C-alpha atoms as a PDB file:
ATOM      1  CA  MET A   1     -20.476  21.396 -11.835  1.00  0.00           C
ATOM      2  CA  GLY A   2     -20.911  18.065 -14.464  1.00  0.00           C
ATOM      3  CA  PHE A   3     -17.337  17.664 -13.454  1.00  0.00           C
ATOM      4  CA  ILE A   4     -17.703  17.113  -9.888  1.00  0.00           C
ATOM      5  CA  LYS A   5     -21.247  15.084 -10.191  1.00  0.00           C
ATOM      6  CA  GLU A   6     -19.518  12.507 -12.357  1.00  0.00           C
ATOM      7  CA  LEU A   7     -16.973  12.212  -9.604  1.00  0.00           C
ATOM      8  CA  LYS A   8     -18.446  11.795  -6.978  1.00  0.00           C
ATOM      9  CA  LYS A   9     -21.024   8.830  -8.110  1.00  0.00           C
ATOM     10  CA  GLY A  10     -18.186   6.707  -8.154  1.00  0.00           C
ATOM     11  CA  LEU A  11     -17.269   7.071  -4.198  1.00  0.00           C
ATOM     12  CA  TRP A  12     -20.690   6.229  -3.254  1.00  0.00           C
ATOM     13  CA  ASP A  13     -24.150   5.994  -5.405  1.00  0.00           C
ATOM     14  CA  GLU A  14     -22.131   3.436  -7.848  1.00  0.00           C
ATOM     15  CA  ILE A  15     -19.012   2.689  -6.136  1.00  0.00           C
ATOM     16  CA  PRO A  16     -17.986  -0.519  -8.244  1.00  0.00           C
ATOM     17  CA  VAL A  17     -17.590  -3.234  -5.332  1.00  0.00           C
ATOM     18  CA  PHE A  18     -20.390  -2.024  -3.050  1.00  0.00           C
ATOM     19  CA  ARG A  19     -22.763  -0.752  -5.364  1.00  0.00           C
ATOM     20  CA  VAL A  20     -22.169  -1.562  -8.829  1.00  0.00           C
ATOM     21  CA  VAL A  21     -20.852  -5.132  -7.400  1.00  0.00           C
ATOM     22  CA  LEU A  22     -17.893  -4.983 -10.412  1.00  0.00           C
ATOM     23  CA  GLY A  23     -14.275  -6.495 -10.549  1.00  0.00           C
ATOM     24  CA  MET A  24     -15.513  -8.989  -8.271  1.00  0.00           C
ATOM     25  CA  CYS A  25     -12.174 -11.463  -9.257  1.00  0.00           C
ATOM     26  CA  PRO A  26      -9.149  -9.080  -8.466  1.00  0.00           C
ATOM     27  CA  THR A  27     -11.656  -8.049  -4.973  1.00  0.00           C
ATOM     28  CA  LEU A  28     -11.863 -11.483  -3.760  1.00  0.00           C
ATOM     29  CA  ALA A  29      -8.231 -12.587  -4.803  1.00  0.00           C
ATOM     30  CA  VAL A  30      -5.736  -9.942  -3.735  1.00  0.00           C
ATOM     31  CA  THR A  31      -7.628  -8.133  -0.828  1.00  0.00           C
ATOM     32  CA  THR A  32      -5.501 -10.399   1.796  1.00  0.00           C
ATOM     33  CA  SER A  33      -3.655  -7.188   3.273  1.00  0.00           C
ATOM     34  CA  LEU A  34      -4.156  -3.580   2.968  1.00  0.00           C
ATOM     35  CA  MET A  35      -0.770  -2.815   0.851  1.00  0.00           C
ATOM     36  CA  ASN A  36      -2.556  -5.686  -2.221  1.00  0.00           C
ATOM     37  CA  GLY A  37      -5.468  -3.116  -2.198  1.00  0.00           C
ATOM     38  CA  ILE A  38      -3.832   0.047  -1.998  1.00  0.00           C
ATOM     39  CA  GLY A  39      -1.525  -1.628  -4.828  1.00  0.00           C
ATOM     40  CA  MET A  40      -4.340  -3.171  -7.164  1.00  0.00           C
ATOM     41  CA  GLY A  41      -6.644   0.012  -6.810  1.00  0.00           C
ATOM     42  CA  ILE A  42      -3.857   2.553  -8.018  1.00  0.00           C
ATOM     43  CA  ALA A  43      -2.633   0.274 -11.010  1.00  0.00           C
ATOM     44  CA  ALA A  44      -6.242  -0.218 -11.723  1.00  0.00           C
ATOM     45  CA  THR A  45      -7.230   3.578 -11.086  1.00  0.00           C
ATOM     46  CA  PHE A  46      -4.857   4.055 -13.859  1.00  0.00           C
ATOM     47  CA  VAL A  47      -5.599   2.042 -16.558  1.00  0.00           C
ATOM     48  CA  LEU A  48      -9.052   3.234 -15.952  1.00  0.00           C
ATOM     49  CA  ILE A  49      -7.940   7.174 -16.384  1.00  0.00           C
ATOM     50  CA  CYS A  50      -5.971   6.496 -19.149  1.00  0.00           C
ATOM     51  CA  SER A  51      -8.378   4.489 -21.025  1.00  0.00           C
ATOM     52  CA  ASN A  52     -11.433   6.436 -20.537  1.00  0.00           C
ATOM     53  CA  VAL A  53      -9.401   9.802 -21.452  1.00  0.00           C
ATOM     54  CA  MET A  54      -8.371   7.780 -24.768  1.00  0.00           C
ATOM     55  CA  VAL A  55     -12.255   6.392 -25.668  1.00  0.00           C
ATOM     56  CA  ALA A  56     -13.551   9.388 -25.138  1.00  0.00           C
ATOM     57  CA  ALA A  57     -10.999  11.104 -27.196  1.00  0.00           C
ATOM     58  CA  LEU A  58     -11.338   9.190 -30.276  1.00  0.00           C
ATOM     59  CA  ARG A  59     -15.504   8.152 -29.776  1.00  0.00           C
ATOM     60  CA  ASN A  60     -16.122   9.824 -33.441  1.00  0.00           C
ATOM     61  CA  VAL A  61     -13.356   8.200 -34.851  1.00  0.00           C
ATOM     62  CA  ILE A  62     -13.456   4.200 -33.670  1.00  0.00           C
ATOM     63  CA  PRO A  63     -16.158   2.413 -35.749  1.00  0.00           C
ATOM     64  CA  ASP A  64     -18.807   1.436 -34.177  1.00  0.00           C
ATOM     65  CA  LYS A  65     -18.671  -2.352 -35.523  1.00  0.00           C
ATOM     66  CA  VAL A  66     -15.492  -2.789 -34.073  1.00  0.00           C
ATOM     67  CA  ARG A  67     -15.994  -0.730 -30.652  1.00  0.00           C
ATOM     68  CA  ILE A  68     -15.257  -3.376 -28.143  1.00  0.00           C
ATOM     69  CA  PRO A  69     -11.820  -4.626 -29.539  1.00  0.00           C
ATOM     70  CA  ALA A  70     -10.795  -1.332 -30.196  1.00  0.00           C
ATOM     71  CA  PHE A  71     -11.228  -0.482 -26.088  1.00  0.00           C
ATOM     72  CA  ILE A  72      -9.670  -4.134 -25.210  1.00  0.00           C
ATOM     73  CA  VAL A  73      -6.001  -2.912 -27.134  1.00  0.00           C
ATOM     74  CA  ILE A  74      -6.522   0.363 -25.309  1.00  0.00           C
ATOM     75  CA  ALA A  75      -6.923  -1.255 -22.306  1.00  0.00           C
ATOM     76  CA  ALA A  76      -4.084  -3.114 -22.727  1.00  0.00           C
ATOM     77  CA  THR A  77      -1.810  -0.717 -23.347  1.00  0.00           C
ATOM     78  CA  PHE A  78      -1.902   1.232 -20.445  1.00  0.00           C
ATOM     79  CA  THR A  79      -2.177  -2.302 -18.513  1.00  0.00           C
ATOM     80  CA  THR A  80       0.897  -3.275 -20.069  1.00  0.00           C
ATOM     81  CA  VAL A  81       2.649   0.219 -19.017  1.00  0.00           C
ATOM     82  CA  THR A  82       1.446  -0.601 -15.513  1.00  0.00           C
ATOM     83  CA  ASP A  83       2.645  -3.676 -15.468  1.00  0.00           C
ATOM     84  CA  LEU A  84       6.211  -2.906 -16.464  1.00  0.00           C
ATOM     85  CA  GLY A  85       6.393   0.036 -14.476  1.00  0.00           C
ATOM     86  CA  MET A  86       4.995  -1.550 -11.511  1.00  0.00           C
ATOM     87  CA  ASN A  87       7.505  -4.533 -11.741  1.00  0.00           C
ATOM     88  CA  GLY A  88      10.694  -1.961 -12.270  1.00  0.00           C
ATOM     89  CA  PHE A  89       9.852   0.218  -9.471  1.00  0.00           C
ATOM     90  CA  ALA A  90       7.625  -1.982  -6.424  1.00  0.00           C
ATOM     91  CA  HIS A  91       8.445  -5.462  -7.545  1.00  0.00           C
ATOM     92  CA  GLU A  92       7.229  -7.060  -4.152  1.00  0.00           C
ATOM     93  CA  LEU A  93       3.683  -5.370  -4.610  1.00  0.00           C
ATOM     94  CA  HIS A  94       3.845  -6.452  -8.097  1.00  0.00           C
ATOM     95  CA  ARG A  95       5.221 -10.637  -7.442  1.00  0.00           C
ATOM     96  CA  ASN A  96       2.290 -10.236  -4.723  1.00  0.00           C
ATOM     97  CA  LEU A  97      -0.827  -9.386  -7.079  1.00  0.00           C
ATOM     98  CA  GLY A  98       1.246 -11.858  -9.461  1.00  0.00           C
ATOM     99  CA  ILE A  99      -1.474 -12.529 -12.639  1.00  0.00           C
ATOM    100  CA  PHE A 100      -4.233  -9.838 -11.419  1.00  0.00           C
ATOM    101  CA  ILE A 101      -1.938  -6.859 -13.108  1.00  0.00           C
ATOM    102  CA  PRO A 102      -2.148  -8.018 -16.627  1.00  0.00           C
ATOM    103  CA  LEU A 103      -5.542  -9.664 -16.132  1.00  0.00           C
ATOM    104  CA  ILE A 104      -6.569  -5.784 -15.705  1.00  0.00           C
ATOM    105  CA  VAL A 105      -6.764  -5.988 -18.944  1.00  0.00           C
ATOM    106  CA  VAL A 106     -10.294  -7.465 -18.697  1.00  0.00           C
ATOM    107  CA  ASN A 107     -11.628  -6.202 -15.496  1.00  0.00           C
ATOM    108  CA  CYS A 108     -15.203  -5.249 -16.460  1.00  0.00           C
ATOM    109  CA  ILE A 109     -14.612  -1.627 -14.301  1.00  0.00           C
ATOM    110  CA  ILE A 110     -12.312  -0.474 -17.492  1.00  0.00           C
ATOM    111  CA  LEU A 111     -14.047  -2.412 -20.019  1.00  0.00           C
ATOM    112  CA  GLY A 112     -17.830  -1.559 -18.598  1.00  0.00           C
ATOM    113  CA  ARG A 113     -17.143   2.417 -18.042  1.00  0.00           C
ATOM    114  CA  ALA A 114     -15.718   3.016 -21.734  1.00  0.00           C
ATOM    115  CA  GLU A 115     -18.048   0.965 -23.189  1.00  0.00           C
ATOM    116  CA  ALA A 116     -20.958   2.515 -20.856  1.00  0.00           C
ATOM    117  CA  PHE A 117     -19.503   6.237 -20.293  1.00  0.00           C
ATOM    118  CA  ALA A 118     -16.357   7.075 -22.274  1.00  0.00           C
ATOM    119  CA  ALA A 119     -17.375   6.521 -25.662  1.00  0.00           C
ATOM    120  CA  LYS A 120     -20.723   8.928 -25.314  1.00  0.00           C
ATOM    121  CA  ASN A 121     -19.249  11.703 -23.631  1.00  0.00           C
ATOM    122  CA  THR A 122     -16.685  14.168 -23.665  1.00  0.00           C
ATOM    123  CA  VAL A 123     -12.548  13.989 -22.668  1.00  0.00           C
ATOM    124  CA  TRP A 124     -13.534  15.734 -19.543  1.00  0.00           C
ATOM    125  CA  LEU A 125     -16.488  13.850 -18.139  1.00  0.00           C
ATOM    126  CA  SER A 126     -14.970  10.806 -19.042  1.00  0.00           C
ATOM    127  CA  LEU A 127     -11.643  11.908 -16.526  1.00  0.00           C
ATOM    128  CA  ALA A 128     -13.957  12.645 -13.866  1.00  0.00           C
ATOM    129  CA  ASP A 129     -16.309   9.461 -14.125  1.00  0.00           C
ATOM    130  CA  ALA A 130     -12.308   7.495 -13.919  1.00  0.00           C
ATOM    131  CA  ILE A 131     -11.253   9.446 -11.048  1.00  0.00           C
ATOM    132  CA  GLY A 132     -14.100   8.768  -9.162  1.00  0.00           C
ATOM    133  CA  MET A 133     -14.758   5.070  -9.779  1.00  0.00           C
ATOM    134  CA  GLY A 134     -11.228   4.417  -9.844  1.00  0.00           C
ATOM    135  CA  ILE A 135     -10.720   6.083  -5.922  1.00  0.00           C
ATOM    136  CA  GLY A 136     -14.231   4.386  -5.091  1.00  0.00           C
ATOM    137  CA  PHE A 137     -12.551   1.002  -6.149  1.00  0.00           C
ATOM    138  CA  THR A 138      -9.336   1.239  -4.799  1.00  0.00           C
ATOM    139  CA  ILE A 139     -11.319   2.710  -1.221  1.00  0.00           C
ATOM    140  CA  ALA A 140     -13.227  -0.571  -1.105  1.00  0.00           C
ATOM    141  CA  LEU A 141      -9.855  -2.637  -1.662  1.00  0.00           C
ATOM    142  CA  MET A 142      -8.355  -1.360   1.172  1.00  0.00           C
ATOM    143  CA  VAL A 143     -11.493  -1.746   3.281  1.00  0.00           C
ATOM    144  CA  LEU A 144     -11.633  -5.187   2.520  1.00  0.00           C
ATOM    145  CA  GLY A 145      -8.066  -5.577   2.731  1.00  0.00           C
ATOM    146  CA  SER A 146      -7.555  -3.972   6.480  1.00  0.00           C
ATOM    147  CA  ILE A 147     -10.640  -5.908   7.733  1.00  0.00           C
ATOM    148  CA  ARG A 148      -9.268  -9.293   6.493  1.00  0.00           C
ATOM    149  CA  GLU A 149      -5.265  -8.868   7.484  1.00  0.00           C
ATOM    150  CA  VAL A 150      -6.574  -7.142  10.360  1.00  0.00           C
ATOM    151  CA  ILE A 151      -8.596  -9.954  11.804  1.00  0.00           C
ATOM    152  CA  GLY A 152      -6.783 -12.976   9.728  1.00  0.00           C
ATOM    153  CA  ASN A 153      -3.415 -12.221  10.131  1.00  0.00           C
ATOM    154  CA  GLY A 154      -3.379  -9.681  13.364  1.00  0.00           C
ATOM    155  CA  THR A 155      -0.996  -7.057  10.947  1.00  0.00           C
ATOM    156  CA  LEU A 156      -1.888  -4.343   9.002  1.00  0.00           C
ATOM    157  CA  THR A 157       0.565  -3.820   6.583  1.00  0.00           C
ATOM    158  CA  LEU A 158       0.344  -0.051   4.235  1.00  0.00           C
ATOM    159  CA  TRP A 159       3.459  -0.496   2.181  1.00  0.00           C
ATOM    160  CA  THR A 160       6.886  -2.522   2.221  1.00  0.00           C
ATOM    161  CA  GLY A 161       8.326  -2.084   5.341  1.00  0.00           C
ATOM    162  CA  ILE A 162       5.590  -0.205   6.986  1.00  0.00           C
ATOM    163  CA  ALA A 163       3.774  -2.277   8.853  1.00  0.00           C
ATOM    164  CA  TRP A 164       2.070  -2.759  12.094  1.00  0.00           C
ATOM    165  CA  ASN A 165       1.268  -5.464  14.845  1.00  0.00           C
ATOM    166  CA  VAL A 166      -2.503  -5.343  16.450  1.00  0.00           C
ATOM    167  CA  PRO A 167      -1.929  -5.397  19.810  1.00  0.00           C
ATOM    168  CA  GLY A 168      -4.851  -8.171  21.553  1.00  0.00           C
ATOM    169  CA  MET A 169      -5.793  -9.423  17.949  1.00  0.00           C
ATOM    170  CA  HIS A 170      -5.648 -13.449  17.729  1.00  0.00           C
ATOM    171  CA  PRO A 171      -5.893 -14.248  14.346  1.00  0.00           C
ATOM    172  CA  MET A 172      -8.515 -15.785  12.513  1.00  0.00           C
ATOM    173  CA  LEU A 173      -6.693 -17.451   9.578  1.00  0.00           C
ATOM    174  CA  LEU A 174     -10.458 -18.090   7.983  1.00  0.00           C
ATOM    175  CA  LEU A 175     -10.659 -14.333   6.786  1.00  0.00           C
ATOM    176  CA  ILE A 176      -7.174 -14.173   5.127  1.00  0.00           C
ATOM    177  CA  LEU A 177      -8.505 -17.231   2.802  1.00  0.00           C
ATOM    178  CA  ALA A 178     -10.920 -17.840  -0.132  1.00  0.00           C
ATOM    179  CA  PRO A 179     -14.179 -18.358   1.942  1.00  0.00           C
ATOM    180  CA  GLY A 180     -13.030 -14.987   3.811  1.00  0.00           C
ATOM    181  CA  GLY A 181     -13.317 -13.105   1.512  1.00  0.00           C
ATOM    182  CA  PHE A 182     -16.818 -14.268   0.302  1.00  0.00           C
ATOM    183  CA  VAL A 183     -17.929 -13.418   4.099  1.00  0.00           C
ATOM    184  CA  THR A 184     -15.705  -9.890   4.116  1.00  0.00           C
ATOM    185  CA  LEU A 185     -17.826  -8.515   0.975  1.00  0.00           C
ATOM    186  CA  GLY A 186     -21.133 -10.210   2.088  1.00  0.00           C
ATOM    187  CA  LEU A 187     -20.940  -8.189   5.583  1.00  0.00           C
ATOM    188  CA  VAL A 188     -19.398  -4.755   4.056  1.00  0.00           C
ATOM    189  CA  LEU A 189     -22.646  -4.824   1.795  1.00  0.00           C
ATOM    190  CA  ALA A 190     -24.495  -5.432   3.930  1.00  0.00           C
ATOM    191  CA  LEU A 191     -23.604  -2.646   5.693  1.00  0.00           C
ATOM    192  CA  MET A 192     -24.194  -0.871   3.135  1.00  0.00           C
ATOM    193  CA  ASN A 193     -27.314  -1.141   2.468  1.00  0.00           C
ATOM    194  CA  ARG A 194     -28.177  -0.718   6.407  1.00  0.00           C
ATOM    195  CA  ILE A 195     -26.582   2.591   5.795  1.00  0.00           C
ATOM    196  CA  GLU A 196     -28.622   3.433   2.886  1.00  0.00           C
ATOM    197  CA  MET A 197     -31.639   2.672   4.740  1.00  0.00           C
ATOM    198  CA  LYS A 198     -30.421   4.989   7.737  1.00  0.00           C
ATOM    199  CA  LEU A 199     -30.447   7.541   5.537  1.00  0.00           C
ATOM    200  CA  ALA A 200     -33.437   7.205   3.428  1.00  0.00           C
ATOM    201  CA  ALA A 201     -35.653   6.480   6.516  1.00  0.00           C
ATOM    202  CA  GLY A 202     -34.037   9.912   7.630  1.00  0.00           C
ATOM    203  CA  LYS A 203     -35.198  11.573   4.444  1.00  0.00           C
ATOM    204  CA  GLY A 204     -38.699   9.989   4.553  1.00  0.00           C
ATOM    205  CA  LYS A 205     -38.003   7.938   2.048  1.00  0.00           C
ATOM    206  CA  ALA A 206     -38.266   3.912   1.307  1.00  0.00           C
ATOM    207  CA  TYR A 207     -35.552   2.359   0.591  1.00  0.00           C
ATOM    208  CA  SER A 208     -35.007  -1.005  -1.472  1.00  0.00           C
ATOM    209  CA  PRO A 209     -31.204  -2.738  -2.433  1.00  0.00           C
ATOM    210  CA  PRO A 210     -30.606  -1.564  -5.814  1.00  0.00           C
ATOM    211  CA  LEU A 211     -31.851  -4.588  -8.413  1.00  0.00           C
ATOM    212  CA  GLU A 212     -30.297  -3.158 -11.676  1.00  0.00           C
ATOM    213  CA  LEU A 213     -26.976  -1.789 -10.569  1.00  0.00           C
ATOM    214  CA  ASP A 214     -24.918  -4.982 -11.223  1.00  0.00           C
ATOM    215  CA  CYS A 215     -22.982  -6.595 -14.022  1.00  0.00           C
ATOM    216  CA  ARG A 216     -26.093  -8.522 -15.652  1.00  0.00           C
ATOM    217  CA  HIS A 217     -27.879  -5.105 -16.389  1.00  0.00           C
ATOM    218  CA  CYS A 218     -25.132  -3.306 -17.667  1.00  0.00           C
ATOM    219  CA  VAL A 219     -24.753  -1.992 -21.055  1.00  0.00           C
ATOM    220  CA  ILE A 220     -22.559  -4.591 -22.330  1.00  0.00           C
ATOM    221  CA  CYS A 221     -24.576  -7.667 -21.537  1.00  0.00           C
ATOM    222  CA  LYS A 222     -28.142  -6.255 -22.239  1.00  0.00           C
ATOM    223  CA  TRP A 223     -26.460  -5.527 -26.269  1.00  0.00           C
ATOM    224  CA  GLY A 224     -25.628  -8.601 -26.198  1.00  0.00           C
ATOM    225  CA  SER A 225     -29.560 -10.232 -25.291  1.00  0.00           C
ATOM    226  CA  PRO A 226     -31.311 -11.308 -28.299  1.00  0.00           C
ATOM    227  CA  THR A 227     -34.362  -9.779 -26.918  1.00  0.00           C
ATOM    228  CA  THR A 228     -32.939  -6.203 -26.267  1.00  0.00           C
ATOM    229  CA  SER A 229     -32.229  -3.606 -28.671  1.00  0.00           C
ATOM    230  CA  LYS A 230     -29.140  -1.226 -28.667  1.00  0.00           C
ATOM    231  CA  THR A 231     -32.072   1.436 -27.961  1.00  0.00           C
ATOM    232  CA  ASP A 232     -33.399  -0.427 -25.039  1.00  0.00           C
ATOM    233  CA  ALA A 233     -29.809  -0.832 -23.804  1.00  0.00           C
ATOM    234  CA  LEU A 234     -28.896   2.789 -23.825  1.00  0.00           C
END
């Protein structure tokens, strides 16, 4: 039951991009097509799963004072595996994603889940957390990539050689440019809040957007604050 609970939270309640608002850099940079979103999501999910499991397995071995460097080394190891593997077996996708594959090592989702969850829980629960967060991240990238590609380019590219032209669509170049990423993300976030309002209203409850589920309130930032103790952060 605990496994399912931890897995499900990353699919809606704490979906990294739309609710916790993490991983914004690759989200806005690579989601110019559905294929890029799928590729980045799978790569990040692989690193997240492997890192979470390794951190959870070594949580009682890694000294507290060097936990962050240790987590970064673990993430860097699996990021390197991902980078080399993608370059060898999906070279065109690797070229499209460019620097954002190596940058997975500093993705706040990877380090954030290692620090906030995997370092405090069992391997089994950390695996569930990583799978849920990874799938949630991939879904978010696919949604944004599909919207931006269809409206901005008039196509939908599932993978190399698998693409469709959307009939009757007049491309709007803005959507595949940087401003279009912010516009699309803002509209999807607004839609998510609207859905939450409807769900809350159906249960007879009041709803307000989450004020603490963002990067500024994560455990890492709280531990770095001079006014917040380690106990308060937890």
